[in-house]
Amino acid sequence: MKVDFPPTFDIEYYRRVYPEFLGLPDEIVIEHYRRYAEEQGRTTCIYDRSEYLKLFLNDAIAKNSLKVLEIGPFNNPFFVGDNVKYFDVLDTETIRERARKVSPKFEGVPPKIHYVEPNGDMSIIKEKFDIVFSSHVIEHQPDLVRHLQNVGNILNDGGMYILVIPDKRYCFDHYRNETKFFEVIDAYVNENKSHTFKSVAESNCFRAHNNSFLHWIGVHGSNELKLKEFTDMLETYAQGVKHRKYVNAHAWCFTPKVFNGIIEGLNKLNLINLKVHRLCHTIWGRFEFCCILERFD
């Protein structure tokens, strides 16, 4: 184990955050956690929030001189330092150009993207890492299985793939169906290197709003199909096919349970060498969860 992560449920932390449990026996608090914490979006450990996980991991990386690869840092990398490298589908200058258009924080783009591959093919990487990290990347992979295989191949024994993943229930994917296991297998068998028409169409035409707080209180807004959105999407998709250019989309729609089930299923079929080491549910008011996968042989 490269990093000793704290448990996903810290009973004393739970009591401090939710004082209604002060003075109650451990077994009652544990039972509430098991039955209601995920449904109610309760925080169960300080590190189930990405901002505190970031502090914890950066400290562990510095103390243990761990080698890190971050996928898709854009203009806000999770990790920085001499022992951190980056992978992206775009080079540094292209990322900076895009960042300037959407954010005043374009200075945050890493000075160097060490590995660039336009189709996201990580098999080009030949060195090994102790940690691979991605935030809001996994749902974009046209072939989820090969992505996980490639990550497993570049991790040292006991290495970790740390993922921050959007929960489809609380983001613009709300109205889309949860990903099914054999949809993932279908993409693997067909060796998908680009997004299907279905993924592109749903990502552009079947969108809810992206206000996580409103989703948590049950206000999801309209998902009315609009002709202009559909025709614009058709043109974008057609141009992507014609010029063999990547068209961005969410290929997969996860919840913590769905993602966990897919990883377990891929393990049963011996398709990946990564298993769930730590899985946090989505906290109330937020739209993402964290999963840590560990490489095994």
Protein backbone atom coordinates (compact mmCIF):
# COMPACT_ATOMS: atom_id res chain seq x y z
CA MET A 1 0.00 0.00 0.00
CA LYS A 2 1.51 3.31 -1.09
CA VAL A 3 -0.81 5.51 0.99
CA ASP A 4 -2.60 4.62 4.22
CA PHE A 5 -6.06 6.08 3.73
CA PRO A 6 -8.33 6.65 6.73
CA PRO A 7 -11.57 4.65 6.86
CA THR A 8 -14.58 5.96 4.94
CA PHE A 9 -16.58 6.07 8.19
CA ASP A 10 -15.06 7.92 11.15
CA ILE A 11 -17.56 7.58 13.99
CA GLU A 12 -16.13 10.39 16.11
CA TYR A 13 -16.07 12.73 13.12
CA TYR A 14 -19.69 11.75 12.41
CA ARG A 15 -20.63 12.70 15.97
CA ARG A 16 -18.85 16.04 15.76
CA VAL A 17 -20.54 16.98 12.49
CA TYR A 18 -23.97 15.68 13.55
CA PRO A 19 -24.36 16.45 17.28
CA GLU A 20 -27.68 14.56 17.49
CA PHE A 21 -25.51 11.45 17.87
CA LEU A 22 -23.52 12.75 20.85
CA GLY A 23 -23.91 10.40 23.78
CA LEU A 24 -25.57 7.66 21.74
CA PRO A 25 -24.04 4.15 21.76
CA ASP A 26 -21.71 3.27 18.88
CA GLU A 27 -24.05 0.60 17.53
CA ILE A 28 -26.87 3.13 17.03
CA VAL A 29 -24.56 5.58 15.24
CA ILE A 30 -23.16 2.80 13.04
CA GLU A 31 -26.66 1.59 12.17
CA HIS A 32 -27.70 5.10 11.14
CA TYR A 33 -24.59 5.38 8.97
CA ARG A 34 -25.35 2.07 7.26
CA ARG A 35 -29.02 2.81 6.64
CA TYR A 36 -29.22 6.52 5.97
CA ALA A 37 -25.85 8.23 5.41
CA GLU A 38 -25.70 7.70 1.65
CA GLU A 39 -29.37 8.49 1.03
CA GLN A 40 -29.12 11.71 3.07
CA GLY A 41 -25.74 12.67 1.62
CA ARG A 42 -24.04 12.84 5.03
CA THR A 43 -20.31 13.37 5.27
CA THR A 44 -18.74 10.41 7.06
CA CYS A 45 -15.02 11.24 7.00
CA ILE A 46 -13.18 14.51 6.46
CA TYR A 47 -11.50 13.07 3.38
CA ASP A 48 -14.73 12.35 1.52
CA ARG A 49 -14.48 15.98 0.36
CA SER A 50 -12.01 16.55 -2.45
CA GLU A 51 -10.47 19.71 -0.95
CA TYR A 52 -9.37 17.83 2.19
CA LEU A 53 -8.40 14.72 0.25
CA LYS A 54 -6.14 16.96 -1.83
CA LEU A 55 -4.31 18.22 1.27
CA PHE A 56 -3.95 14.69 2.65
CA LEU A 57 -2.63 13.28 -0.62
CA ASN A 58 -0.19 16.10 -1.33
CA ASP A 59 1.27 15.62 2.13
CA ALA A 60 1.56 11.84 1.62
CA ILE A 61 3.16 12.28 -1.81
CA ALA A 62 5.75 14.71 -0.47
CA LYS A 63 6.64 12.54 2.54
CA ASN A 64 6.96 9.34 0.51
CA SER A 65 8.37 10.78 -2.75
CA LEU A 66 5.59 9.13 -4.74
CA LYS A 67 5.43 9.40 -8.53
CA VAL A 68 2.14 10.83 -9.78
CA LEU A 69 0.41 11.07 -13.14
CA GLU A 70 -2.58 13.40 -13.43
CA ILE A 71 -4.95 12.97 -16.37
CA GLY A 72 -6.60 16.06 -17.87
CA PRO A 73 -5.46 18.81 -15.47
CA PHE A 74 -6.78 21.68 -17.67
CA ASN A 75 -6.16 24.94 -15.74
CA ASN A 76 -6.57 23.59 -12.22
CA PRO A 77 -4.28 20.60 -11.56
CA PHE A 78 -4.95 18.62 -8.41
CA PHE A 79 -1.24 17.94 -7.96
CA VAL A 80 1.86 20.01 -8.67
CA GLY A 81 5.54 19.35 -8.06
CA ASP A 82 8.66 17.79 -9.49
CA ASN A 83 7.32 14.25 -9.09
CA VAL A 84 4.05 14.98 -10.95
CA LYS A 85 3.51 14.45 -14.67
CA TYR A 86 0.47 15.14 -16.83
CA PHE A 87 -1.43 13.40 -19.62
CA ASP A 88 -3.98 15.08 -21.91
CA VAL A 89 -5.51 14.89 -25.37
CA LEU A 90 -4.29 18.46 -25.98
CA ASP A 91 -0.86 20.06 -25.72
CA THR A 92 -0.04 22.88 -23.33
CA GLU A 93 -0.57 25.77 -25.76
CA THR A 94 -3.93 24.46 -26.97
CA ILE A 95 -5.11 24.02 -23.38
CA ARG A 96 -4.03 27.58 -22.59
CA GLU A 97 -5.98 28.91 -25.57
CA ARG A 98 -9.10 27.09 -24.42
CA ALA A 99 -8.62 28.12 -20.80
CA ARG A 100 -8.37 31.81 -21.79
CA LYS A 101 -11.80 31.59 -23.40
CA VAL A 102 -13.58 30.11 -20.38
CA SER A 103 -11.69 31.25 -17.31
CA PRO A 104 -9.44 34.05 -16.05
CA LYS A 105 -7.36 31.34 -14.36
CA PHE A 106 -5.59 30.22 -17.54
CA GLU A 107 -2.28 30.78 -15.73
CA GLY A 108 -3.04 27.59 -13.81
CA VAL A 109 -2.40 25.42 -16.87
CA PRO A 110 0.69 23.28 -16.15
CA PRO A 111 3.83 24.52 -17.93
CA LYS A 112 4.26 21.11 -19.56
CA ILE A 113 1.94 18.29 -20.58
CA HIS A 114 4.33 15.36 -20.56
CA TYR A 115 2.15 12.95 -22.54
CA VAL A 116 -0.21 14.05 -25.31
CA GLU A 117 -2.38 11.66 -27.30
CA PRO A 118 -5.38 13.07 -29.24
CA ASN A 119 -7.57 10.00 -28.68
CA GLY A 120 -6.72 9.60 -25.00
CA ASP A 121 -4.77 6.39 -25.60
CA MET A 122 -2.63 5.99 -22.49
CA SER A 123 -0.82 2.94 -23.87
CA ILE A 124 1.82 5.40 -25.12
CA ILE A 125 3.05 5.77 -21.52
CA LYS A 126 5.87 3.39 -20.66
CA GLU A 127 6.91 4.52 -17.18
CA LYS A 128 5.33 3.49 -13.87
CA PHE A 129 3.59 5.59 -11.22
CA ASP A 130 2.48 5.17 -7.63
CA ILE A 131 -0.65 7.27 -8.11
CA VAL A 132 -2.74 8.09 -11.15
CA PHE A 133 -5.38 10.77 -10.65
CA SER A 134 -8.29 12.03 -12.70
CA SER A 135 -11.17 14.39 -12.00
CA HIS A 136 -14.25 14.32 -14.24
CA VAL A 137 -12.34 12.29 -16.83
CA ILE A 138 -13.55 8.70 -16.48
CA GLU A 139 -17.07 9.46 -17.76
CA HIS A 140 -15.58 10.79 -21.02
CA GLN A 141 -13.75 7.57 -21.98
CA PRO A 142 -15.27 5.95 -25.11
CA ASP A 143 -13.81 2.58 -24.03
CA LEU A 144 -13.92 2.44 -20.24
CA VAL A 145 -12.36 -1.01 -19.97
CA ARG A 146 -9.26 -0.18 -22.01
CA HIS A 147 -8.82 3.04 -20.10
CA LEU A 148 -8.78 1.09 -16.83
CA GLN A 149 -6.46 -1.52 -18.33
CA ASN A 150 -4.04 1.18 -19.45
CA VAL A 151 -4.07 2.79 -16.02
CA GLY A 152 -3.46 -0.58 -14.36
CA ASN A 153 -0.50 -1.16 -16.66
CA ILE A 154 1.29 2.02 -15.58
CA LEU A 155 0.73 1.63 -11.83
CA ASN A 156 3.33 0.09 -9.59
CA ASP A 157 2.26 -2.86 -7.41
CA GLY A 158 -0.16 -1.54 -4.82
CA GLY A 159 -0.50 1.71 -6.74
CA MET A 160 -3.72 3.70 -6.67
CA TYR A 161 -6.01 5.18 -9.28
CA ILE A 162 -7.81 8.05 -7.54
CA LEU A 163 -10.93 9.30 -9.29
CA VAL A 164 -13.31 12.18 -8.72
CA ILE A 165 -16.49 11.28 -10.62
CA PRO A 166 -19.70 13.22 -11.30
CA ASP A 167 -22.85 11.65 -9.84
CA LYS A 168 -25.38 11.70 -12.67
CA ARG A 169 -28.26 12.31 -10.26
CA TYR A 170 -27.00 15.76 -9.28
CA CYS A 171 -25.58 17.21 -12.51
CA PHE A 172 -26.75 17.87 -16.08
CA ASP A 173 -26.91 14.10 -16.71
CA HIS A 174 -29.84 13.76 -14.30
CA TYR A 175 -32.37 12.64 -16.91
CA ARG A 176 -30.06 10.14 -18.59
CA ASN A 177 -30.16 6.45 -17.69
CA GLU A 178 -27.54 4.95 -15.43
CA THR A 179 -24.83 3.05 -17.30
CA LYS A 180 -25.44 -0.68 -17.61
CA PHE A 181 -22.63 -3.19 -17.25
CA PHE A 182 -22.94 -4.69 -20.72
CA GLU A 183 -22.93 -1.24 -22.32
CA VAL A 184 -19.38 -0.99 -20.98
CA ILE A 185 -18.58 -4.46 -22.31
CA ASP A 186 -20.10 -3.57 -25.70
CA ALA A 187 -17.77 -0.56 -26.02
CA TYR A 188 -14.81 -2.82 -25.17
CA VAL A 189 -15.74 -5.55 -27.66
CA ASN A 190 -16.26 -2.95 -30.40
CA GLU A 191 -13.00 -1.17 -29.45
CA ASN A 192 -14.67 2.23 -29.34
CA LYS A 193 -12.17 5.00 -30.01
CA SER A 194 -14.73 7.77 -30.32
CA HIS A 195 -18.10 8.50 -28.77
CA THR A 196 -21.23 6.89 -30.14
CA PHE A 197 -23.93 9.02 -31.70
CA LYS A 198 -26.14 8.14 -28.73
CA SER A 199 -23.62 9.53 -26.22
CA VAL A 200 -23.13 12.75 -28.18
CA ALA A 201 -26.87 13.20 -28.71
CA GLU A 202 -27.79 12.62 -25.07
CA SER A 203 -24.97 14.84 -23.80
CA ASN A 204 -26.16 17.74 -25.96
CA CYS A 205 -29.92 17.29 -26.17
CA PHE A 206 -31.00 15.57 -22.97
CA ARG A 207 -29.46 17.89 -20.42
CA ALA A 208 -30.78 19.04 -17.09
CA HIS A 209 -29.38 22.09 -15.29
CA ASN A 210 -26.08 21.75 -13.43
CA ASN A 211 -27.06 23.19 -10.03
CA SER A 212 -26.37 20.37 -7.59
CA PHE A 213 -28.27 22.02 -4.71
CA LEU A 214 -31.46 22.16 -6.75
CA HIS A 215 -31.09 18.52 -7.76
CA TRP A 216 -30.69 17.52 -4.10
CA ILE A 217 -34.01 19.19 -3.20
CA GLY A 218 -35.75 17.60 -6.16
CA VAL A 219 -35.86 20.54 -8.58
CA HIS A 220 -34.48 19.14 -11.82
CA GLY A 221 -35.84 21.56 -14.40
CA SER A 222 -36.94 20.82 -17.93
CA ASN A 223 -35.28 18.49 -20.38
CA GLU A 224 -37.44 19.50 -23.32
CA LEU A 225 -35.95 18.50 -26.65
CA LYS A 226 -35.15 21.56 -28.78
CA LEU A 227 -34.75 21.48 -32.56
CA LYS A 228 -31.77 23.87 -32.63
CA GLU A 229 -29.84 21.83 -30.07
CA PHE A 230 -30.50 18.70 -32.13
CA THR A 231 -29.46 20.22 -35.46
CA ASP A 232 -26.34 21.77 -33.89
CA MET A 233 -25.43 18.42 -32.40
CA LEU A 234 -25.92 16.66 -35.75
CA GLU A 235 -23.56 19.12 -37.44
CA THR A 236 -20.93 18.76 -34.69
CA TYR A 237 -21.11 14.97 -34.83
CA ALA A 238 -20.97 14.91 -38.64
CA GLN A 239 -17.92 17.18 -38.71
CA GLY A 240 -16.22 15.01 -36.11
CA VAL A 241 -16.79 11.88 -38.18
CA LYS A 242 -15.75 13.58 -41.42
CA HIS A 243 -12.50 14.99 -40.07
CA ARG A 244 -11.88 12.21 -37.56
CA LYS A 245 -11.81 14.72 -34.74
CA TYR A 246 -12.73 14.04 -31.13
CA VAL A 247 -16.23 15.18 -30.16
CA ASN A 248 -16.64 15.61 -26.42
CA ALA A 249 -19.42 13.79 -24.55
CA HIS A 250 -20.23 11.90 -21.39
CA ALA A 251 -20.14 8.28 -22.47
CA TRP A 252 -21.15 6.98 -19.03
CA CYS A 253 -23.52 8.03 -16.25
CA PHE A 254 -22.44 6.85 -12.80
CA THR A 255 -23.61 6.81 -9.23
CA PRO A 256 -21.33 5.37 -6.54
CA LYS A 257 -23.26 2.08 -6.53
CA VAL A 258 -23.27 1.84 -10.31
CA PHE A 259 -19.54 2.50 -10.58
CA ASN A 260 -18.76 0.02 -7.81
CA GLY A 261 -20.86 -2.65 -9.52
CA ILE A 262 -19.10 -2.12 -12.86
CA ILE A 263 -15.65 -2.43 -11.27
CA GLU A 264 -16.72 -5.60 -9.45
CA GLY A 265 -18.11 -7.06 -12.68
CA LEU A 266 -14.95 -6.30 -14.64
CA ASN A 267 -12.94 -8.02 -11.92
CA LYS A 268 -15.11 -11.12 -12.12
CA LEU A 269 -14.40 -11.30 -15.85
CA ASN A 270 -10.65 -10.77 -15.25
CA LEU A 271 -10.70 -7.74 -17.53
CA ILE A 272 -8.91 -5.31 -15.19
CA ASN A 273 -6.36 -5.53 -12.38
CA LEU A 274 -7.92 -2.75 -10.29
CA LYS A 275 -10.24 -3.23 -7.33
CA VAL A 276 -12.18 -0.78 -5.17
CA HIS A 277 -10.11 0.21 -2.16
CA ARG A 278 -12.21 3.13 -0.96
CA LEU A 279 -15.53 4.51 -2.17
CA CYS A 280 -17.22 7.61 -0.77
CA HIS A 281 -20.82 8.48 -1.53
CA THR A 282 -21.91 11.89 -2.78
CA ILE A 283 -22.28 14.53 -0.07
CA TRP A 284 -25.47 16.59 0.14
CA GLY A 285 -25.32 19.66 -2.06
CA ARG A 286 -22.47 18.32 -4.16
CA PHE A 287 -22.40 16.51 -7.50
CA GLU A 288 -19.31 14.29 -7.34
CA PHE A 289 -17.91 11.37 -5.40
CA CYS A 290 -14.44 9.93 -4.91
CA CYS A 291 -13.34 6.37 -5.60
CA ILE A 292 -9.87 4.92 -5.04
CA LEU A 293 -8.92 1.84 -7.04
CA GLU A 294 -5.93 -0.28 -6.08
CA ARG A 295 -3.83 -2.31 -8.47
CA PHE A 296 -3.52 -6.01 -7.68
CA ASP A 297 -1.70 -8.89 -9.41
